[in-house]
Protein backbone atom coordinates (compact mmCIF):
# COMPACT_ATOMS: atom_id res chain seq x y z
CA UNK A 1 3.54 10.78 -34.07
CA UNK A 2 6.81 10.96 -36.00
CA UNK A 3 9.89 8.92 -35.10
CA UNK A 4 11.83 12.09 -34.22
CA UNK A 5 9.16 13.21 -31.79
CA UNK A 6 9.15 9.80 -30.13
CA UNK A 7 12.93 9.81 -29.77
CA UNK A 8 12.92 13.28 -28.27
CA UNK A 9 10.10 12.35 -25.89
CA UNK A 10 12.04 9.27 -24.76
CA UNK A 11 15.12 11.39 -24.01
CA UNK A 12 12.94 14.02 -22.34
CA UNK A 13 11.29 11.31 -20.25
CA UNK A 14 14.63 10.20 -18.83
CA UNK A 15 15.63 13.77 -17.99
CA UNK A 16 12.19 14.54 -16.61
CA UNK A 17 12.26 11.46 -14.38
CA UNK A 18 15.65 12.37 -12.92
CA UNK A 19 14.68 15.99 -12.36
CA UNK A 20 11.22 15.05 -11.10
CA UNK A 21 12.53 12.50 -8.63
CA UNK A 22 15.15 14.95 -7.34
CA UNK A 23 12.62 17.74 -6.89
CA UNK A 24 10.12 15.30 -5.37
CA UNK A 25 12.68 14.10 -2.82
CA UNK A 26 13.50 17.68 -1.81
CA UNK A 27 9.83 18.63 -1.51
CA UNK A 28 8.99 15.56 0.57
CA UNK A 29 11.93 16.21 2.89
CA UNK A 30 11.06 19.86 3.41
CA UNK A 31 7.27 19.41 3.56
CA UNK A 32 6.86 18.47 7.27
CA UNK A 33 8.76 21.59 8.36
CA UNK A 34 6.44 23.81 6.31
CA UNK A 35 3.07 22.10 6.64
CA UNK A 36 0.95 21.91 9.75
CA UNK A 37 0.29 18.77 11.77
CA UNK A 38 -2.83 17.67 9.89
CA UNK A 39 -1.32 18.18 6.44
CA UNK A 40 1.83 16.32 7.45
CA UNK A 41 -0.24 13.37 8.67
CA UNK A 42 -2.24 13.47 5.44
CA UNK A 43 0.97 13.41 3.40
CA UNK A 44 2.28 10.47 5.47
CA UNK A 45 -0.97 8.57 4.87
CA UNK A 46 -0.74 9.34 1.15
CA UNK A 47 2.80 7.93 0.93
CA UNK A 48 1.72 4.77 2.76
CA UNK A 49 -1.25 4.31 0.42
CA UNK A 50 1.10 4.85 -2.54
CA UNK A 51 3.21 1.89 -1.38
CA UNK A 52 0.07 -0.24 -0.91
CA UNK A 53 -1.29 0.66 -4.35
CA UNK A 54 2.08 0.06 -6.03
CA UNK A 55 2.32 -3.35 -4.36
CA UNK A 56 -1.20 -4.15 -5.54
CA UNK A 57 -0.32 -2.96 -9.05
CA UNK A 58 2.57 -5.41 -9.20
CA UNK A 59 -0.15 -8.06 -9.31
CA UNK A 60 -2.73 -6.15 -11.36
CA UNK A 61 -0.95 -3.83 -13.77
CA UNK A 62 2.16 -5.96 -14.33
CA UNK A 63 0.79 -9.50 -14.13
CA UNK A 64 -2.84 -8.96 -15.11
CA UNK A 65 -4.39 -10.43 -11.96
CA UNK A 66 -7.12 -8.38 -10.29
CA UNK A 67 -7.33 -8.93 -6.53
CA UNK A 68 -10.36 -7.84 -4.52
CA UNK A 69 -8.86 -9.00 -1.24
CA UNK A 70 -5.68 -7.01 -0.55
CA UNK A 71 -7.13 -5.60 2.66
CA UNK A 72 -6.53 -8.99 4.30
CA UNK A 73 -2.77 -8.33 4.17
CA UNK A 74 -3.24 -4.98 5.87
CA UNK A 75 -5.34 -6.72 8.53
CA UNK A 76 -2.83 -9.53 9.06
CA UNK A 77 0.01 -7.05 9.40
CA UNK A 78 -2.01 -4.61 11.49
CA UNK A 79 -3.13 -7.14 14.09
CA UNK A 80 0.44 -8.46 14.29
CA UNK A 81 1.74 -4.95 14.95
CA UNK A 82 -0.93 -4.33 17.58
CA UNK A 83 -0.09 -7.57 19.43
CA UNK A 84 3.62 -6.78 19.28
CA UNK A 85 3.10 -3.36 20.83
CA UNK A 86 0.60 -4.62 23.42
CA UNK A 87 2.14 -7.91 24.52
CA UNK A 88 5.32 -9.15 22.86
CA UNK A 89 7.51 -6.14 23.60
CA UNK A 90 6.68 -5.95 27.34
CA UNK A 91 7.05 -9.73 27.66
CA UNK A 92 10.56 -9.56 26.21
CA UNK A 93 11.55 -6.81 28.63
CA UNK A 94 12.76 -4.60 25.80
CA UNK A 95 12.49 -1.46 27.90
CA UNK A 96 15.18 -2.70 30.28
CA UNK A 97 17.56 -3.59 27.48
CA UNK A 98 17.25 -0.68 25.08
CA UNK A 99 16.30 2.12 27.46
CA UNK A 100 14.78 5.17 25.80
CA UNK A 101 15.18 3.66 22.33
CA UNK A 102 12.89 0.73 23.23
CA UNK A 103 9.96 2.15 21.29
CA UNK A 104 12.05 2.36 18.12
CA UNK A 105 12.97 -1.30 18.58
CA UNK A 106 9.28 -2.14 19.01
CA UNK A 107 8.54 -0.18 15.82
CA UNK A 108 11.15 -2.14 13.86
CA UNK A 109 9.99 -5.50 15.28
CA UNK A 110 6.36 -4.67 14.51
CA UNK A 111 7.25 -3.58 10.97
CA UNK A 112 9.25 -6.75 10.28
CA UNK A 113 6.81 -9.19 11.89
CA UNK A 114 3.82 -7.48 10.26
CA UNK A 115 5.43 -7.80 6.82
CA UNK A 116 6.32 -11.44 7.51
CA UNK A 117 2.77 -12.23 8.69
CA UNK A 118 1.29 -10.74 5.52
CA UNK A 119 3.84 -12.59 3.39
CA UNK A 120 3.08 -15.94 5.03
CA UNK A 121 -0.64 -15.37 4.53
CA UNK A 122 0.06 -14.60 0.87
CA UNK A 123 2.00 -17.87 0.51
CA UNK A 124 -1.03 -19.94 1.48
CA UNK A 125 -3.79 -17.88 -0.12
CA UNK A 126 -1.74 -17.12 -3.23
CA UNK A 127 -1.08 -20.81 -3.92
CA UNK A 128 -4.79 -21.53 -3.94
CA UNK A 129 -5.78 -18.35 -5.78
CA UNK A 130 -3.44 -18.66 -8.76
CA UNK A 131 -5.03 -21.97 -9.67
CA UNK A 132 -7.81 -19.78 -11.10
CA UNK A 133 -7.77 -16.97 -13.65
CA UNK A 134 -9.59 -13.77 -14.55
CA UNK A 135 -12.83 -13.12 -12.63
CA UNK A 136 -12.51 -16.38 -10.71
CA UNK A 137 -9.17 -15.22 -9.31
CA UNK A 138 -10.74 -11.92 -8.26
CA UNK A 139 -13.65 -13.65 -6.56
CA UNK A 140 -11.53 -16.15 -4.61
CA UNK A 141 -9.33 -13.35 -3.25
CA UNK A 142 -12.51 -11.53 -2.20
CA UNK A 143 -13.73 -14.71 -0.50
CA UNK A 144 -10.50 -15.14 1.45
CA UNK A 145 -10.56 -11.49 2.51
CA UNK A 146 -14.10 -11.82 3.83
CA UNK A 147 -13.08 -15.01 5.66
CA UNK A 148 -10.29 -13.05 7.39
CA UNK A 149 -12.83 -10.36 8.26
CA UNK A 150 -15.12 -12.91 9.91
CA UNK A 151 -12.20 -14.45 11.83
CA UNK A 152 -11.09 -11.13 13.34
CA UNK A 153 -14.60 -9.72 13.81
CA UNK A 154 -15.82 -12.79 15.72
CA UNK A 155 -12.45 -13.31 17.41
CA UNK A 156 -12.31 -16.93 16.33
CA UNK A 157 -8.57 -17.07 17.09
CA UNK A 158 -9.21 -16.00 20.69
CA UNK A 159 -11.96 -18.60 21.07
CA UNK A 160 -9.72 -21.38 19.73
CA UNK A 161 -6.84 -20.37 22.01
CA UNK A 162 -9.19 -20.15 25.01
CA UNK A 163 -10.48 -23.65 24.23
CA UNK A 164 -6.96 -25.05 24.64
CA UNK A 165 -6.32 -23.01 27.79
CA UNK A 166 -4.42 -20.08 26.29
CA UNK A 167 -5.56 -16.51 26.93
CA UNK A 168 -8.94 -15.15 27.88
CA UNK A 169 -10.64 -15.47 24.50
CA UNK A 170 -9.95 -11.90 23.31
CA UNK A 171 -7.10 -12.18 20.84
CA UNK A 172 -8.47 -9.70 18.26
CA UNK A 173 -11.00 -8.11 20.64
CA UNK A 174 -13.85 -8.71 18.20
CA UNK A 175 -15.64 -5.74 16.66
CA UNK A 176 -13.88 -3.31 19.03
CA UNK A 177 -10.51 -4.03 17.46
CA UNK A 178 -7.16 -3.29 19.06
CA UNK A 179 -5.63 0.03 20.03
CA UNK A 180 -2.18 0.84 21.32
CA UNK A 181 0.00 3.78 22.27
CA UNK A 182 3.34 4.73 20.79
CA UNK A 183 4.85 7.18 23.26
CA UNK A 184 8.17 8.90 23.88
CA UNK A 185 11.48 7.92 22.32
CA UNK A 186 14.91 8.97 23.54
CA UNK A 187 17.31 8.27 20.68
CA UNK A 188 20.90 9.37 21.36
CA UNK A 189 19.62 12.20 23.51
CA UNK A 190 16.97 13.29 20.99
CA UNK A 191 13.52 13.04 22.58
CA UNK A 192 10.34 12.88 20.52
CA UNK A 193 6.94 11.19 20.43
CA UNK A 194 6.81 8.52 17.73
CA UNK A 195 3.18 9.22 16.80
CA UNK A 196 1.94 12.68 17.68
CA UNK A 197 -1.15 14.21 16.06
CA UNK A 198 -0.03 17.75 16.87
CA UNK A 199 3.55 17.23 15.69
CA UNK A 200 3.85 14.16 13.42
CA UNK A 201 7.24 15.09 11.93
CA UNK A 202 9.09 12.12 13.46
CA UNK A 203 6.67 9.51 12.18
CA UNK A 204 6.48 11.27 8.81
CA UNK A 205 10.26 11.02 8.38
CA UNK A 206 10.11 7.31 9.23
CA UNK A 207 7.27 6.94 6.72
CA UNK A 208 9.33 8.72 4.08
CA UNK A 209 12.23 6.33 4.73
CA UNK A 210 9.98 3.27 4.40
CA UNK A 211 8.37 4.76 1.29
CA UNK A 212 11.74 5.36 -0.40
CA UNK A 213 13.07 1.87 0.38
CA UNK A 214 9.84 0.11 -0.61
CA UNK A 215 9.42 2.03 -3.86
CA UNK A 216 13.04 1.41 -4.85
CA UNK A 217 12.67 -2.31 -4.13
CA UNK A 218 9.44 -2.51 -6.14
CA UNK A 219 11.03 -0.57 -8.99
CA UNK A 220 13.95 -2.99 -9.12
CA UNK A 221 11.50 -5.90 -9.19
CA UNK A 222 9.43 -4.57 -12.11
CA UNK A 223 12.60 -3.70 -14.08
CA UNK A 224 14.14 -7.13 -13.49
CA UNK A 225 13.75 -10.21 -15.74
CA UNK A 226 11.12 -11.37 -13.25
CA UNK A 227 9.12 -8.19 -13.91
CA UNK A 228 9.45 -8.69 -17.66
CA UNK A 229 8.12 -12.22 -17.26
CA UNK A 230 5.16 -10.87 -15.30
CA UNK A 231 4.34 -8.49 -18.14
CA UNK A 232 4.57 -11.35 -20.63
CA UNK A 233 2.02 -13.26 -18.55
CA UNK A 234 -0.23 -10.20 -18.52
CA UNK A 235 -0.08 -9.71 -22.27
CA UNK A 236 -0.53 -13.33 -23.36
CA UNK A 237 -0.47 -16.14 -20.76
CA UNK A 238 -0.95 -18.84 -23.41
CA UNK A 239 2.08 -17.68 -25.38
CA UNK A 240 4.07 -17.34 -22.15
CA UNK A 241 3.30 -20.96 -21.31
CA UNK A 242 4.28 -21.98 -24.84
CA UNK A 243 7.67 -20.33 -24.26
CA UNK A 244 8.20 -22.55 -21.20
CA UNK A 245 7.22 -20.04 -18.50
CA UNK A 246 5.51 -21.55 -15.47
CA UNK A 247 2.77 -18.93 -15.30
CA UNK A 248 1.21 -20.29 -12.11
CA UNK A 249 4.51 -20.25 -10.24
CA UNK A 250 5.37 -16.72 -11.37
CA UNK A 251 1.88 -15.53 -10.49
CA UNK A 252 2.25 -17.14 -7.06
CA UNK A 253 5.61 -15.44 -6.47
CA UNK A 254 4.12 -12.11 -7.56
CA UNK A 255 1.19 -12.63 -5.19
CA UNK A 256 3.58 -13.26 -2.29
CA UNK A 257 5.69 -10.18 -3.04
CA UNK A 258 2.58 -8.05 -3.47
CA UNK A 259 1.12 -9.37 -0.21
CA UNK A 260 4.34 -8.76 1.74
CA UNK A 261 4.69 -5.15 0.56
CA UNK A 262 0.98 -4.61 1.23
CA UNK A 263 1.68 -5.84 4.75
CA UNK A 264 4.54 -3.36 5.06
CA UNK A 265 2.17 -0.56 4.09
CA UNK A 266 -0.47 -1.96 6.42
CA UNK A 267 1.93 -1.95 9.38
CA UNK A 268 2.73 1.72 8.78
CA UNK A 269 -0.94 2.61 8.28
CA UNK A 270 -1.98 0.91 11.51
CA UNK A 271 0.85 2.59 13.43
CA UNK A 272 -0.28 5.95 12.08
CA UNK A 273 -3.83 5.26 13.30
CA UNK A 274 -2.54 3.56 16.51
CA UNK A 275 -5.22 0.92 16.16
CA UNK A 276 -6.98 -1.53 13.89
CA UNK A 277 -10.59 -2.59 13.42
CA UNK A 278 -12.15 -5.58 11.62
CA UNK A 279 -13.45 -3.07 9.04
CA UNK A 280 -9.84 -2.78 7.83
CA UNK A 281 -10.24 -6.31 6.44
CA UNK A 282 -13.66 -5.69 4.88
CA UNK A 283 -14.08 -5.82 1.10
CA UNK A 284 -14.62 -2.05 0.88
CA UNK A 285 -11.08 -1.53 2.18
CA UNK A 286 -9.79 -3.83 -0.58
CA UNK A 287 -11.38 -1.50 -3.13
CA UNK A 288 -9.08 1.34 -2.05
CA UNK A 289 -5.89 0.23 -3.86
CA UNK A 290 -8.00 -0.75 -6.87
CA UNK A 291 -9.54 2.73 -7.16
CA UNK A 292 -6.22 4.47 -6.51
CA UNK A 293 -4.49 2.41 -9.21
CA UNK A 294 -7.23 2.95 -11.80
CA UNK A 295 -7.23 6.71 -11.14
CA UNK A 296 -3.43 6.95 -11.36
CA UNK A 297 -2.78 4.48 -14.18
CA UNK A 298 -2.01 0.75 -13.83
CA UNK A 299 0.48 0.52 -16.72
CA UNK A 300 3.05 2.95 -15.35
CA UNK A 301 5.17 2.34 -12.28
CA UNK A 302 4.42 5.78 -10.81
CA UNK A 303 0.75 5.60 -11.78
CA UNK A 304 -0.42 4.35 -8.33
CA UNK A 305 1.66 7.09 -6.66
CA UNK A 306 -0.10 9.74 -8.75
CA UNK A 307 -3.40 8.01 -7.99
CA UNK A 308 -2.73 8.08 -4.24
CA UNK A 309 -2.13 11.84 -4.28
CA UNK A 310 -5.20 12.49 -6.44
CA UNK A 311 -7.36 10.21 -4.28
CA UNK A 312 -6.32 11.59 -0.91
CA UNK A 313 -6.10 15.26 -1.75
CA UNK A 314 -9.31 15.29 -3.75
CA UNK A 315 -10.95 13.61 -0.78
CA UNK A 316 -9.50 16.33 1.47
CA UNK A 317 -10.76 19.02 -0.92
CA UNK A 318 -14.27 17.54 -0.87
CA UNK A 319 -14.28 17.66 2.94
CA UNK A 320 -13.91 21.44 2.82
CA UNK A 321 -17.41 21.77 1.35
CA UNK A 322 -20.31 20.28 3.35
CA UNK A 323 -22.49 19.74 0.28
CA UNK A 324 -19.77 17.87 -1.59
CA UNK A 325 -18.87 15.93 1.56
CA UNK A 326 -22.46 14.75 1.90
CA UNK A 327 -22.30 13.22 -1.59
CA UNK A 328 -18.60 12.38 -1.74
CA UNK A 329 -19.28 8.91 -3.20
CA UNK A 330 -20.93 10.59 -6.20
CA UNK A 331 -17.94 12.89 -6.58
CA UNK A 332 -15.51 10.00 -6.63
CA UNK A 333 -17.73 8.00 -8.96
CA UNK A 334 -17.85 10.94 -11.36
CA UNK A 335 -14.05 11.25 -11.22
CA UNK A 336 -13.59 7.55 -11.92
CA UNK A 337 -15.99 7.79 -14.86
CA UNK A 338 -14.00 10.67 -16.37
CA UNK A 339 -10.70 8.81 -15.94
CA UNK A 340 -12.01 5.60 -17.53
CA UNK A 341 -13.69 7.35 -20.46
CA UNK A 342 -11.21 10.08 -21.35
CA UNK A 343 -7.78 9.14 -19.98
CA UNK A 344 -5.55 6.45 -21.42
CA UNK A 345 -3.76 4.81 -18.47
CA UNK A 346 -5.25 7.07 -15.81
CA UNK A 347 -4.02 10.46 -14.64
CA UNK A 348 -0.40 9.50 -15.32
CA UNK A 349 -1.32 8.65 -18.92
CA UNK A 350 -3.20 11.92 -19.22
CA UNK A 351 -0.13 13.88 -18.14
CA UNK A 352 2.01 11.97 -20.63
CA UNK A 353 -0.49 12.53 -23.43
CA UNK A 354 -0.50 16.26 -22.69
CA UNK A 355 3.29 16.34 -23.02
CA UNK A 356 3.06 14.50 -26.34
CA UNK A 357 0.53 17.01 -27.67
CA UNK A 358 2.79 19.91 -26.67
CA UNK A 359 5.78 18.22 -28.33
CA UNK A 360 3.78 17.63 -31.53
CA UNK A 361 2.77 21.30 -31.69
CA UNK A 362 6.39 22.34 -31.33
CA UNK A 363 7.49 19.96 -34.08
């Protein structure tokens, strides 16, 4: 590719990003008023998964550390949210203080505490995990995730608390998990149900707000000197250490940030489902952000977002055909094979390559 083509593509990229983001924002704002209830819920779930995958990619695509255990942060956040809704909020008497807006306060508290719980878990597990590299790092994160799964599935926390005289031994409720209800909100005279399958517009708009804030924060992180350091570690950790970079410390900080934002996504995901099961901490759940990122493209910031839309809407398309639905694992496996073999940097890279080919033909 000639230098002139590259320069024009770079300028076009900047314009395309501005136009694309503007159009995307308008479409996402208008979408819930055009789509039906199911499609709006699907779009909300896609945006939440996009945040989760982007948080995971901060560790994988930008730092070069593959985690097979990111579902543990969703579980930590999800169980925290469930306990807040079930017990903490009523115990604090929030309803008497905030009136009809109490449920919004519960939502905010659950979101904050869920993110903090995931971040604290990442502090401990991340410190131990970054002592290892490559496949050993991946395997230790998988081990910790499965340990969290066992803890919540067997309700070990409840048993320990019951042994010291606290509670009835059902903290996580074992294999049955925890469910909760997010009912009516009266906010400045505006009444709506926070989570409503038939009319999920309110929760979708909250999801869109969280998505916008989280993606902007993650973007600022990857474009900061810290993000540049992470990429240096990914490209050549030995040379990074030779330059005086504490690679273990930076990897640990990245792990904590990734875990906290994964917890934020997990809190929203659990609120959307109004419940959590031990299966949400199982290793198969940890594969979800990995697959989404690989499909979308790990070396572009918006790659996981593209991957989330491809993953969720292709899955929805497959459900429309019973034969494809019966063998949906094969369909996804075939898609992943095509992406790995024929696309450089996933679907996002494929789109970019197509634009380059068009620009070359015009040259």
